[in-house]
Amino acid sequence: MDAAVPLVRERGSAVTTKELAEAAGVSEGTIFNVFDDKVELIEAVVLSVTDPGPVNEDMAAIDPSLDFAGQLVAATELLQQRTTDIWRLLSKLVERHPPKRGPMSEHPALVELMARHADELSLTPTDAARTLQAFVLALTHPMIAAEPAPAATIVDRFLHGCASPQETR
């Protein structure tokens, strides 16, 4: 898998079994002793990249002497890397249509809605819109959340966060 993941991430399903064998330092026949075909090998790569085990182990190893915010930053960095790795792989595998390059743009109407309430926000309207979109993705996407969070829950987390209320910050 260590040799296959970077090649599939780079070339998608266009990668050949010959390239995969060369990268692994084995014969092409060896690959077919393990996998029935290239499709099964690519499925194994996807399972490897999406396996939550390694990131869970890394999270369990976060230094407990860090304060809560520091631990959350470390966990978030791990989740960001995992998300990036998964999306790079999957986007390459579905690259049958010309891929859209660059990040998704904010919805102009959502930015405008945020702008109308700028005095209630600690972020710029654009950053607030981007943050809400990220919350919606994270709390709705079927590969992330077993059940989509209700819209009111997403808005509550967006507006008030997850920390318990404090009199002063």
C-alpha atoms as a PDB file:
ATOM      1  CA  MET A   1       0.000   0.000   0.000  1.00  0.00           C
ATOM      2  CA  ASP A   2       2.851   2.401   0.812  1.00  0.00           C
ATOM      3  CA  ALA A   3       3.955   2.351  -2.833  1.00  0.00           C
ATOM      4  CA  ALA A   4       0.452   2.318  -4.322  1.00  0.00           C
ATOM      5  CA  VAL A   5      -1.111   5.241  -2.432  1.00  0.00           C
ATOM      6  CA  PRO A   6       1.101   8.020  -3.861  1.00  0.00           C
ATOM      7  CA  LEU A   7       0.778   6.663  -7.404  1.00  0.00           C
ATOM      8  CA  VAL A   8      -3.005   6.358  -7.243  1.00  0.00           C
ATOM      9  CA  ARG A   9      -3.202   9.807  -5.634  1.00  0.00           C
ATOM     10  CA  GLU A  10      -1.137  11.204  -8.523  1.00  0.00           C
ATOM     11  CA  ARG A  11      -2.522   9.251 -11.496  1.00  0.00           C
ATOM     12  CA  GLY A  12      -5.902   8.000 -10.350  1.00  0.00           C
ATOM     13  CA  SER A  13      -7.286   4.973 -12.115  1.00  0.00           C
ATOM     14  CA  ALA A  14      -4.978   5.683 -15.084  1.00  0.00           C
ATOM     15  CA  VAL A  15      -2.098   4.184 -13.099  1.00  0.00           C
ATOM     16  CA  THR A  16      -0.958   0.861 -14.542  1.00  0.00           C
ATOM     17  CA  THR A  17      -0.222  -2.318 -12.658  1.00  0.00           C
ATOM     18  CA  LYS A  18       3.258  -2.173 -14.191  1.00  0.00           C
ATOM     19  CA  GLU A  19       3.838   1.250 -12.565  1.00  0.00           C
ATOM     20  CA  LEU A  20       2.487  -0.029  -9.266  1.00  0.00           C
ATOM     21  CA  ALA A  21       4.707  -3.118  -9.372  1.00  0.00           C
ATOM     22  CA  GLU A  22       7.799  -1.034 -10.180  1.00  0.00           C
ATOM     23  CA  ALA A  23       7.073   1.356  -7.320  1.00  0.00           C
ATOM     24  CA  ALA A  24       6.640  -1.560  -4.918  1.00  0.00           C
ATOM     25  CA  GLY A  25       9.737  -3.325  -6.198  1.00  0.00           C
ATOM     26  CA  VAL A  26       7.819  -6.462  -7.133  1.00  0.00           C
ATOM     27  CA  SER A  27       6.765  -8.170 -10.341  1.00  0.00           C
ATOM     28  CA  GLU A  28       3.395  -7.462 -11.884  1.00  0.00           C
ATOM     29  CA  GLY A  29       2.492 -11.108 -11.249  1.00  0.00           C
ATOM     30  CA  THR A  30       2.998 -10.583  -7.514  1.00  0.00           C
ATOM     31  CA  ILE A  31       0.318  -7.889  -7.565  1.00  0.00           C
ATOM     32  CA  PHE A  32      -2.115 -10.331  -9.165  1.00  0.00           C
ATOM     33  CA  ASN A  33      -1.283 -12.934  -6.521  1.00  0.00           C
ATOM     34  CA  VAL A  34      -2.664 -10.491  -3.951  1.00  0.00           C
ATOM     35  CA  PHE A  35      -5.395  -8.711  -5.934  1.00  0.00           C
ATOM     36  CA  ASP A  36      -7.746 -10.105  -8.574  1.00  0.00           C
ATOM     37  CA  ASP A  37      -7.404  -6.989 -10.718  1.00  0.00           C
ATOM     38  CA  LYS A  38      -6.470  -3.310 -10.686  1.00  0.00           C
ATOM     39  CA  VAL A  39      -9.953  -2.321  -9.505  1.00  0.00           C
ATOM     40  CA  GLU A  40      -9.553  -4.444  -6.375  1.00  0.00           C
ATOM     41  CA  LEU A  41      -6.123  -2.907  -5.748  1.00  0.00           C
ATOM     42  CA  ILE A  42      -7.524   0.628  -6.084  1.00  0.00           C
ATOM     43  CA  GLU A  43     -10.346  -0.299  -3.703  1.00  0.00           C
ATOM     44  CA  ALA A  44      -7.696  -1.466  -1.223  1.00  0.00           C
ATOM     45  CA  VAL A  45      -5.895   1.882  -1.613  1.00  0.00           C
ATOM     46  CA  VAL A  46      -9.139   3.749  -0.875  1.00  0.00           C
ATOM     47  CA  LEU A  47      -9.775   1.566   2.183  1.00  0.00           C
ATOM     48  CA  SER A  48      -6.220   2.192   3.365  1.00  0.00           C
ATOM     49  CA  VAL A  49      -6.455   5.967   2.995  1.00  0.00           C
ATOM     50  CA  THR A  50      -9.897   6.158   4.610  1.00  0.00           C
ATOM     51  CA  ASP A  51      -9.012   3.827   7.495  1.00  0.00           C
ATOM     52  CA  PRO A  52      -9.584   5.870  10.677  1.00  0.00           C
ATOM     53  CA  GLY A  53      -7.166   3.733  12.706  1.00  0.00           C
ATOM     54  CA  PRO A  54      -3.931   5.674  12.070  1.00  0.00           C
ATOM     55  CA  VAL A  55      -5.473   9.102  12.755  1.00  0.00           C
ATOM     56  CA  ASN A  56      -7.137   7.739  15.895  1.00  0.00           C
ATOM     57  CA  GLU A  57      -3.750   6.460  17.085  1.00  0.00           C
ATOM     58  CA  ASP A  58      -2.178   9.851  16.348  1.00  0.00           C
ATOM     59  CA  MET A  59      -4.967  11.621  18.250  1.00  0.00           C
ATOM     60  CA  ALA A  60      -4.547   9.302  21.211  1.00  0.00           C
ATOM     61  CA  ALA A  61      -0.864  10.308  21.256  1.00  0.00           C
ATOM     62  CA  ILE A  62      -1.567  14.055  21.525  1.00  0.00           C
ATOM     63  CA  ASP A  63       0.324  15.464  24.478  1.00  0.00           C
ATOM     64  CA  PRO A  64      -2.150  15.579  27.386  1.00  0.00           C
ATOM     65  CA  SER A  65      -0.064  18.284  29.076  1.00  0.00           C
ATOM     66  CA  LEU A  66      -1.196  20.735  26.383  1.00  0.00           C
ATOM     67  CA  ASP A  67      -4.128  22.913  27.366  1.00  0.00           C
ATOM     68  CA  PHE A  68      -7.528  22.068  25.877  1.00  0.00           C
ATOM     69  CA  ALA A  69      -7.137  24.525  23.005  1.00  0.00           C
ATOM     70  CA  GLY A  70      -3.668  23.165  22.205  1.00  0.00           C
ATOM     71  CA  GLN A  71      -4.970  19.607  22.148  1.00  0.00           C
ATOM     72  CA  LEU A  72      -7.833  20.686  19.877  1.00  0.00           C
ATOM     73  CA  VAL A  73      -5.392  22.430  17.515  1.00  0.00           C
ATOM     74  CA  ALA A  74      -3.313  19.245  17.309  1.00  0.00           C
ATOM     75  CA  ALA A  75      -6.429  17.131  16.668  1.00  0.00           C
ATOM     76  CA  THR A  76      -7.695  19.602  14.069  1.00  0.00           C
ATOM     77  CA  GLU A  77      -4.360  19.523  12.228  1.00  0.00           C
ATOM     78  CA  LEU A  78      -4.582  15.725  12.067  1.00  0.00           C
ATOM     79  CA  LEU A  79      -8.170  15.885  10.796  1.00  0.00           C
ATOM     80  CA  GLN A  80      -7.250  18.519   8.207  1.00  0.00           C
ATOM     81  CA  GLN A  81      -4.409  16.361   6.871  1.00  0.00           C
ATOM     82  CA  ARG A  82      -6.683  13.307   6.745  1.00  0.00           C
ATOM     83  CA  THR A  83      -9.397  15.259   4.955  1.00  0.00           C
ATOM     84  CA  THR A  84      -6.898  16.624   2.435  1.00  0.00           C
ATOM     85  CA  ASP A  85      -5.427  13.165   1.795  1.00  0.00           C
ATOM     86  CA  ILE A  86      -8.835  11.589   1.260  1.00  0.00           C
ATOM     87  CA  TRP A  87     -10.141  14.342  -1.009  1.00  0.00           C
ATOM     88  CA  ARG A  88      -6.980  14.383  -3.147  1.00  0.00           C
ATOM     89  CA  LEU A  89      -7.254  10.659  -3.679  1.00  0.00           C
ATOM     90  CA  LEU A  90     -10.982  10.560  -4.340  1.00  0.00           C
ATOM     91  CA  SER A  91     -10.953  13.591  -6.615  1.00  0.00           C
ATOM     92  CA  LYS A  92      -8.256  11.955  -8.729  1.00  0.00           C
ATOM     93  CA  LEU A  93     -10.302   8.774  -8.981  1.00  0.00           C
ATOM     94  CA  VAL A  94     -13.380  10.610 -10.242  1.00  0.00           C
ATOM     95  CA  GLU A  95     -11.512  12.881 -12.614  1.00  0.00           C
ATOM     96  CA  ARG A  96     -13.560  11.830 -15.645  1.00  0.00           C
ATOM     97  CA  HIS A  97     -14.896  15.370 -15.938  1.00  0.00           C
ATOM     98  CA  PRO A  98     -12.625  18.400 -15.903  1.00  0.00           C
ATOM     99  CA  PRO A  99     -12.014  19.051 -12.216  1.00  0.00           C
ATOM    100  CA  LYS A 100     -12.816  22.406 -10.706  1.00  0.00           C
ATOM    101  CA  ARG A 101      -9.552  23.815  -9.462  1.00  0.00           C
ATOM    102  CA  GLY A 102      -9.282  25.841  -6.320  1.00  0.00           C
ATOM    103  CA  PRO A 103     -11.589  26.046  -3.347  1.00  0.00           C
ATOM    104  CA  MET A 104     -15.328  26.303  -3.664  1.00  0.00           C
ATOM    105  CA  SER A 105     -16.484  29.884  -3.545  1.00  0.00           C
ATOM    106  CA  GLU A 106     -18.779  31.261  -0.901  1.00  0.00           C
ATOM    107  CA  HIS A 107     -22.383  31.793  -1.877  1.00  0.00           C
ATOM    108  CA  PRO A 108     -22.755  35.550  -2.529  1.00  0.00           C
ATOM    109  CA  ALA A 109     -26.198  35.627  -0.927  1.00  0.00           C
ATOM    110  CA  LEU A 110     -24.808  33.986   2.219  1.00  0.00           C
ATOM    111  CA  VAL A 111     -21.962  36.525   2.374  1.00  0.00           C
ATOM    112  CA  GLU A 112     -24.553  39.291   2.010  1.00  0.00           C
ATOM    113  CA  LEU A 113     -26.698  37.761   4.772  1.00  0.00           C
ATOM    114  CA  MET A 114     -23.614  37.733   7.002  1.00  0.00           C
ATOM    115  CA  ALA A 115     -22.795  41.329   6.021  1.00  0.00           C
ATOM    116  CA  ARG A 116     -26.258  42.447   7.183  1.00  0.00           C
ATOM    117  CA  HIS A 117     -25.326  41.050  10.621  1.00  0.00           C
ATOM    118  CA  ALA A 118     -21.634  42.012  10.655  1.00  0.00           C
ATOM    119  CA  ASP A 119     -22.025  43.706  14.043  1.00  0.00           C
ATOM    120  CA  GLU A 120     -23.022  40.327  15.511  1.00  0.00           C
ATOM    121  CA  LEU A 121     -19.996  38.485  14.090  1.00  0.00           C
ATOM    122  CA  SER A 122     -16.384  38.153  15.202  1.00  0.00           C
ATOM    123  CA  LEU A 123     -15.364  37.278  11.618  1.00  0.00           C
ATOM    124  CA  THR A 124     -15.612  39.057   8.303  1.00  0.00           C
ATOM    125  CA  PRO A 125     -18.816  38.231   6.413  1.00  0.00           C
ATOM    126  CA  THR A 126     -16.815  36.162   3.908  1.00  0.00           C
ATOM    127  CA  ASP A 127     -15.037  34.175   6.636  1.00  0.00           C
ATOM    128  CA  ALA A 128     -18.322  33.692   8.492  1.00  0.00           C
ATOM    129  CA  ALA A 129     -19.982  32.369   5.326  1.00  0.00           C
ATOM    130  CA  ARG A 130     -17.032  30.036   4.723  1.00  0.00           C
ATOM    131  CA  THR A 131     -17.212  28.804   8.327  1.00  0.00           C
ATOM    132  CA  LEU A 132     -20.928  28.120   8.148  1.00  0.00           C
ATOM    133  CA  GLN A 133     -20.453  26.242   4.868  1.00  0.00           C
ATOM    134  CA  ALA A 134     -17.746  24.131   6.517  1.00  0.00           C
ATOM    135  CA  PHE A 135     -20.037  23.351   9.458  1.00  0.00           C
ATOM    136  CA  VAL A 136     -22.835  22.358   7.065  1.00  0.00           C
ATOM    137  CA  LEU A 137     -20.486  20.055   5.152  1.00  0.00           C
ATOM    138  CA  ALA A 138     -19.057  18.506   8.298  1.00  0.00           C
ATOM    139  CA  LEU A 139     -22.396  17.962   9.990  1.00  0.00           C
ATOM    140  CA  THR A 140     -24.340  16.863   6.901  1.00  0.00           C
ATOM    141  CA  HIS A 141     -22.050  14.880   4.577  1.00  0.00           C
ATOM    142  CA  PRO A 142     -23.083  11.200   4.701  1.00  0.00           C
ATOM    143  CA  MET A 143     -19.465  10.033   4.860  1.00  0.00           C
ATOM    144  CA  ILE A 144     -18.842  12.180   7.947  1.00  0.00           C
ATOM    145  CA  ALA A 145     -22.128  12.158   9.875  1.00  0.00           C
ATOM    146  CA  ALA A 146     -24.312   9.054  10.060  1.00  0.00           C
ATOM    147  CA  GLU A 147     -27.351  11.321  10.309  1.00  0.00           C
ATOM    148  CA  PRO A 148     -27.357  14.957   9.202  1.00  0.00           C
ATOM    149  CA  ALA A 149     -27.509  17.386  12.098  1.00  0.00           C
ATOM    150  CA  PRO A 150     -30.671  19.507  12.181  1.00  0.00           C
ATOM    151  CA  ALA A 151     -30.175  22.977  10.721  1.00  0.00           C
ATOM    152  CA  ALA A 152     -30.908  24.580  14.102  1.00  0.00           C
ATOM    153  CA  THR A 153     -28.092  22.538  15.689  1.00  0.00           C
ATOM    154  CA  ILE A 154     -25.645  23.615  12.990  1.00  0.00           C
ATOM    155  CA  VAL A 155     -26.614  27.257  13.481  1.00  0.00           C
ATOM    156  CA  ASP A 156     -26.308  26.951  17.273  1.00  0.00           C
ATOM    157  CA  ARG A 157     -22.795  25.514  16.955  1.00  0.00           C
ATOM    158  CA  PHE A 158     -21.887  28.194  14.429  1.00  0.00           C
ATOM    159  CA  LEU A 159     -23.151  31.042  16.596  1.00  0.00           C
ATOM    160  CA  HIS A 160     -22.207  29.724  20.038  1.00  0.00           C
ATOM    161  CA  GLY A 161     -19.527  27.082  19.529  1.00  0.00           C
ATOM    162  CA  CYS A 162     -19.100  24.001  21.657  1.00  0.00           C
ATOM    163  CA  ALA A 163     -17.519  25.500  24.754  1.00  0.00           C
ATOM    164  CA  SER A 164     -19.560  26.033  27.872  1.00  0.00           C
ATOM    165  CA  PRO A 165     -20.535  29.685  28.405  1.00  0.00           C
ATOM    166  CA  GLN A 166     -18.078  31.790  30.360  1.00  0.00           C
ATOM    167  CA  GLU A 167     -18.665  35.173  31.932  1.00  0.00           C
ATOM    168  CA  THR A 168     -15.383  36.519  30.601  1.00  0.00           C
ATOM    169  CA  ARG A 169     -13.048  35.325  27.903  1.00  0.00           C
END
